[in-house]
Every structure is written in structure tokens, then in C-alpha cells.
C-alpha atoms as a PDB file:
ATOM      1  CA  MET A   1       7.568 -12.708  -1.768  1.00  0.00           C
ATOM      2  CA  ALA A   2       4.558 -11.096  -3.576  1.00  0.00           C
ATOM      3  CA  LYS A   3       1.086 -12.277  -2.823  1.00  0.00           C
ATOM      4  CA  ASP A   4      -0.425 -14.724  -5.575  1.00  0.00           C
ATOM      5  CA  PRO A   5      -3.117 -12.382  -7.139  1.00  0.00           C
ATOM      6  CA  THR A   6      -5.418 -15.528  -7.797  1.00  0.00           C
ATOM      7  CA  ASP A   7      -5.052 -16.634  -3.882  1.00  0.00           C
ATOM      8  CA  TYR A   8      -8.021 -15.670  -2.196  1.00  0.00           C
ATOM      9  CA  SER A   9      -7.794 -18.016   0.686  1.00  0.00           C
ATOM     10  CA  THR A  10      -5.405 -15.752   2.722  1.00  0.00           C
ATOM     11  CA  VAL A  11      -6.309 -12.720   4.592  1.00  0.00           C
ATOM     12  CA  ASP A  12      -3.797  -9.862   4.563  1.00  0.00           C
ATOM     13  CA  PHE A  13      -3.251  -8.121   7.925  1.00  0.00           C
ATOM     14  CA  ILE A  14      -0.825  -5.527   6.826  1.00  0.00           C
ATOM     15  CA  ALA A  15      -2.145  -2.927   4.608  1.00  0.00           C
ATOM     16  CA  PRO A  16      -0.421  -2.874   1.011  1.00  0.00           C
ATOM     17  CA  ALA A  17       1.970   0.275   0.230  1.00  0.00           C
ATOM     18  CA  LEU A  18       1.260   2.342  -2.624  1.00  0.00           C
ATOM     19  CA  HIS A  19       4.442   1.711  -4.939  1.00  0.00           C
ATOM     20  CA  VAL A  20       3.538   3.641  -7.929  1.00  0.00           C
ATOM     21  CA  THR A  21       4.573   6.902  -9.608  1.00  0.00           C
ATOM     22  CA  CYS A  22       2.782   9.460 -11.851  1.00  0.00           C
ATOM     23  CA  GLY A  23       2.906   8.470 -15.225  1.00  0.00           C
ATOM     24  CA  GLN A  24       3.410   4.726 -14.524  1.00  0.00           C
ATOM     25  CA  VAL A  25       1.900   2.418 -16.813  1.00  0.00           C
ATOM     26  CA  LEU A  26      -0.406  -0.288 -15.235  1.00  0.00           C
ATOM     27  CA  MET A  27      -2.345  -3.226 -16.932  1.00  0.00           C
ATOM     28  CA  ASP A  28      -5.426  -5.071 -15.302  1.00  0.00           C
ATOM     29  CA  ARG A  29      -6.375  -8.841 -15.844  1.00  0.00           C
ATOM     30  CA  GLN A  30      -8.052  -8.092 -18.832  1.00  0.00           C
ATOM     31  CA  ARG A  31      -4.921  -6.494 -20.411  1.00  0.00           C
ATOM     32  CA  HIS A  32      -6.518  -2.798 -20.272  1.00  0.00           C
ATOM     33  CA  ILE A  33      -3.797  -0.280 -19.749  1.00  0.00           C
ATOM     34  CA  ALA A  34      -3.976   2.710 -17.317  1.00  0.00           C
ATOM     35  CA  ILE A  35      -1.650   5.560 -16.421  1.00  0.00           C
ATOM     36  CA  VAL A  36      -1.135   6.860 -13.050  1.00  0.00           C
ATOM     37  CA  ALA A  37      -2.128  10.437 -13.152  1.00  0.00           C
ATOM     38  CA  LYS A  38      -1.996  11.539  -9.376  1.00  0.00           C
ATOM     39  CA  LYS A  39      -0.544   9.627  -6.259  1.00  0.00           C
ATOM     40  CA  GLY A  40      -1.481  10.362  -2.674  1.00  0.00           C
ATOM     41  CA  ARG A  41      -0.485   8.580   0.521  1.00  0.00           C
ATOM     42  CA  SER A  42      -3.080   6.010   0.344  1.00  0.00           C
ATOM     43  CA  CYS A  43      -4.552   6.119  -3.088  1.00  0.00           C
ATOM     44  CA  ALA A  44      -3.809   6.841  -6.789  1.00  0.00           C
ATOM     45  CA  HIS A  45      -5.895   8.238  -9.642  1.00  0.00           C
ATOM     46  CA  LEU A  46      -5.617   6.402 -12.880  1.00  0.00           C
ATOM     47  CA  VAL A  47      -6.566   7.380 -16.396  1.00  0.00           C
ATOM     48  CA  ARG A  48      -8.313   4.505 -17.959  1.00  0.00           C
ATOM     49  CA  VAL A  49     -11.140   3.440 -20.277  1.00  0.00           C
ATOM     50  CA  THR A  50     -14.309   3.018 -18.196  1.00  0.00           C
ATOM     51  CA  SER A  51     -17.878   2.863 -19.278  1.00  0.00           C
ATOM     52  CA  GLY A  52     -17.081   3.436 -22.962  1.00  0.00           C
ATOM     53  CA  ALA A  53     -14.995   6.793 -22.211  1.00  0.00           C
ATOM     54  CA  LEU A  54     -11.580   7.784 -20.777  1.00  0.00           C
ATOM     55  CA  ARG A  55     -11.973   8.697 -17.345  1.00  0.00           C
ATOM     56  CA  MET A  56      -9.912   9.385 -14.122  1.00  0.00           C
ATOM     57  CA  THR A  57     -10.696   6.854 -11.287  1.00  0.00           C
ATOM     58  CA  ARG A  58      -9.639   6.811  -7.786  1.00  0.00           C
ATOM     59  CA  HIS A  59      -8.003   3.501  -6.348  1.00  0.00           C
ATOM     60  CA  SER A  60      -6.895   2.587  -2.903  1.00  0.00           C
ATOM     61  CA  ALA A  61      -3.491   0.942  -2.403  1.00  0.00           C
ATOM     62  CA  LYS A  62      -5.311  -2.491  -1.830  1.00  0.00           C
ATOM     63  CA  GLU A  63      -7.251  -2.210  -5.151  1.00  0.00           C
ATOM     64  CA  ILE A  64      -4.089  -1.391  -7.005  1.00  0.00           C
ATOM     65  CA  VAL A  65      -2.197  -4.260  -5.658  1.00  0.00           C
ATOM     66  CA  GLU A  66      -5.206  -6.612  -6.172  1.00  0.00           C
ATOM     67  CA  GLU A  67      -6.371  -5.524  -9.549  1.00  0.00           C
ATOM     68  CA  TRP A  68      -3.422  -4.080 -11.547  1.00  0.00           C
ATOM     69  CA  SER A  69       0.015  -5.146 -12.489  1.00  0.00           C
ATOM     70  CA  GLU A  70       3.125  -3.558 -13.940  1.00  0.00           C
ATOM     71  CA  ALA A  71       2.752  -3.228 -17.757  1.00  0.00           C
ATOM     72  CA  ASP A  72       5.584  -4.001 -20.061  1.00  0.00           C
ATOM     73  CA  TYR A  73       4.366  -1.118 -22.151  1.00  0.00           C
ATOM     74  CA  PRO A  74       6.366   1.840 -23.178  1.00  0.00           C
ATOM     75  CA  PHE A  75       5.033   5.217 -21.656  1.00  0.00           C
ATOM     76  CA  ASP A  76       4.941   7.118 -24.912  1.00  0.00           C
ATOM     77  CA  ARG A  77       2.877   4.434 -26.717  1.00  0.00           C
ATOM     78  CA  ALA A  78       0.498   4.155 -23.805  1.00  0.00           C
ATOM     79  CA  LEU A  79       0.096   7.854 -23.523  1.00  0.00           C
ATOM     80  CA  ALA A  80      -0.625   8.125 -27.269  1.00  0.00           C
ATOM     81  CA  LYS A  81      -3.017   5.199 -27.262  1.00  0.00           C
ATOM     82  CA  LEU A  82      -5.002   6.647 -24.470  1.00  0.00           C
ATOM     83  CA  LEU A  83      -5.092  10.149 -26.181  1.00  0.00           C
ATOM     84  CA  GLU A  84      -6.255   8.360 -29.267  1.00  0.00           C
ATOM     85  CA  LEU A  85      -9.074   6.317 -27.441  1.00  0.00           C
ATOM     86  CA  GLY A  86     -10.112   9.525 -25.782  1.00  0.00           C
ATOM     87  CA  ARG A  87     -10.356  11.362 -29.093  1.00  0.00           C
ATOM     88  CA  GLN A  88     -12.603   8.346 -30.445  1.00  0.00           C
ATOM     89  CA  HIS A  89     -14.815   7.513 -27.524  1.00  0.00           C
ATOM     90  CA  GLY A  90     -14.825  10.653 -25.402  1.00  0.00           C
ATOM     91  CA  ILE A  91     -12.823  11.915 -22.460  1.00  0.00           C
ATOM     92  CA  THR A  92     -13.557  13.710 -19.306  1.00  0.00           C
ATOM     93  CA  ASP A  93     -11.964  16.913 -18.553  1.00  0.00           C
ATOM     94  CA  ALA A  94      -9.978  15.729 -15.557  1.00  0.00           C
ATOM     95  CA  ALA A  95      -8.520  12.765 -17.586  1.00  0.00           C
ATOM     96  CA  ARG A  96      -7.674  15.212 -20.595  1.00  0.00           C
ATOM     97  CA  VAL A  97      -5.948  17.623 -18.124  1.00  0.00           C
ATOM     98  CA  ALA A  98      -4.078  14.733 -16.644  1.00  0.00           C
ATOM     99  CA  LEU A  99      -2.801  13.341 -19.850  1.00  0.00           C
ATOM    100  CA  GLU A 100      -1.929  16.529 -21.125  1.00  0.00           C
ATOM    101  CA  ARG A 101       0.215  17.315 -18.000  1.00  0.00           C
ATOM    102  CA  LEU A 102       1.970  13.997 -18.512  1.00  0.00           C
ATOM    103  CA  SER A 103       2.493  14.683 -22.036  1.00  0.00           C
ATOM    104  CA  ARG A 104       4.061  18.282 -21.379  1.00  0.00           C
ATOM    105  CA  SER A 105       6.375  16.652 -18.883  1.00  0.00           C
ATOM    106  CA  GLY A 106       8.069  15.057 -21.781  1.00  0.00           C
ATOM    107  CA  ARG A 107       9.882  12.106 -20.109  1.00  0.00           C
ATOM    108  CA  GLU A 108       9.240   8.805 -18.984  1.00  0.00           C
ATOM    109  CA  PRO A 109       8.518   8.189 -15.209  1.00  0.00           C
ATOM    110  CA  THR A 110      10.950   5.962 -13.262  1.00  0.00           C
ATOM    111  CA  GLN A 111       8.971   2.633 -13.043  1.00  0.00           C
ATOM    112  CA  HIS A 112       8.549   1.459  -9.649  1.00  0.00           C
ATOM    113  CA  ARG A 113       7.749  -2.242  -8.651  1.00  0.00           C
ATOM    114  CA  LEU A 114       4.173  -2.616  -7.354  1.00  0.00           C
ATOM    115  CA  PHE A 115       5.185  -5.547  -4.820  1.00  0.00           C
ATOM    116  CA  GLY A 116       8.677  -4.126  -3.957  1.00  0.00           C
END
């Protein structure tokens, strides 16, 4: 059973596992989308809008489980939207390279369950 994201009264003793793949579309509580650009064993890098520009940010498995959820948002649409936001508001080189790499792959990633 997945942890209720609004339950702050319990303490988790087992570190959350990182169940995301490169290219997976995620959404935060404010309904902002992000795409997983890189995945390591204990962290993932997300391309998302932060401080008014598109940037790549690093998140631990715990942060992803607590702050992000699976988005019911098509990969192609999310990628196009983030690229458009980057053109309008600015984009860092790392975020641009990551999105171009995902765009070149030309296929939607297998979506994994965050709490699976």
C-alpha cells in the first residue's frame, strides 16, 4: 500500500526506491510537469520550470516519492510543452541537451509506477 502523501504523522524507516525511467512524465502538487532526464541509483535529474526558466534539478528518491506523482500526460505533449516554455522563458544548456536527447530517441518510455 502506498503512503498517503498528505500523512506527515508517520516516519518511514525504509528508504524509498527510485521507480522512474528516463523520459517519464511526473507532476507535482501544483500540477507542474517535469520529465526525468537522467536516473541514478539513488537520485534522478528532472527537467522542469524553476525560477522562471527551464532547468535540470537533482532529486533524491525520497524527494521524488514525497513531492511528485505519475502524470497522466502524454510524453510527446509534455516534451513539446517544455520545449516551448524553454523558448519563451529561457532554458539552461543542461536542460536543452537533455530534452534534445529525449526528443531524438523518438519513442515514449515505459512508464513505471512510483509506488510499485
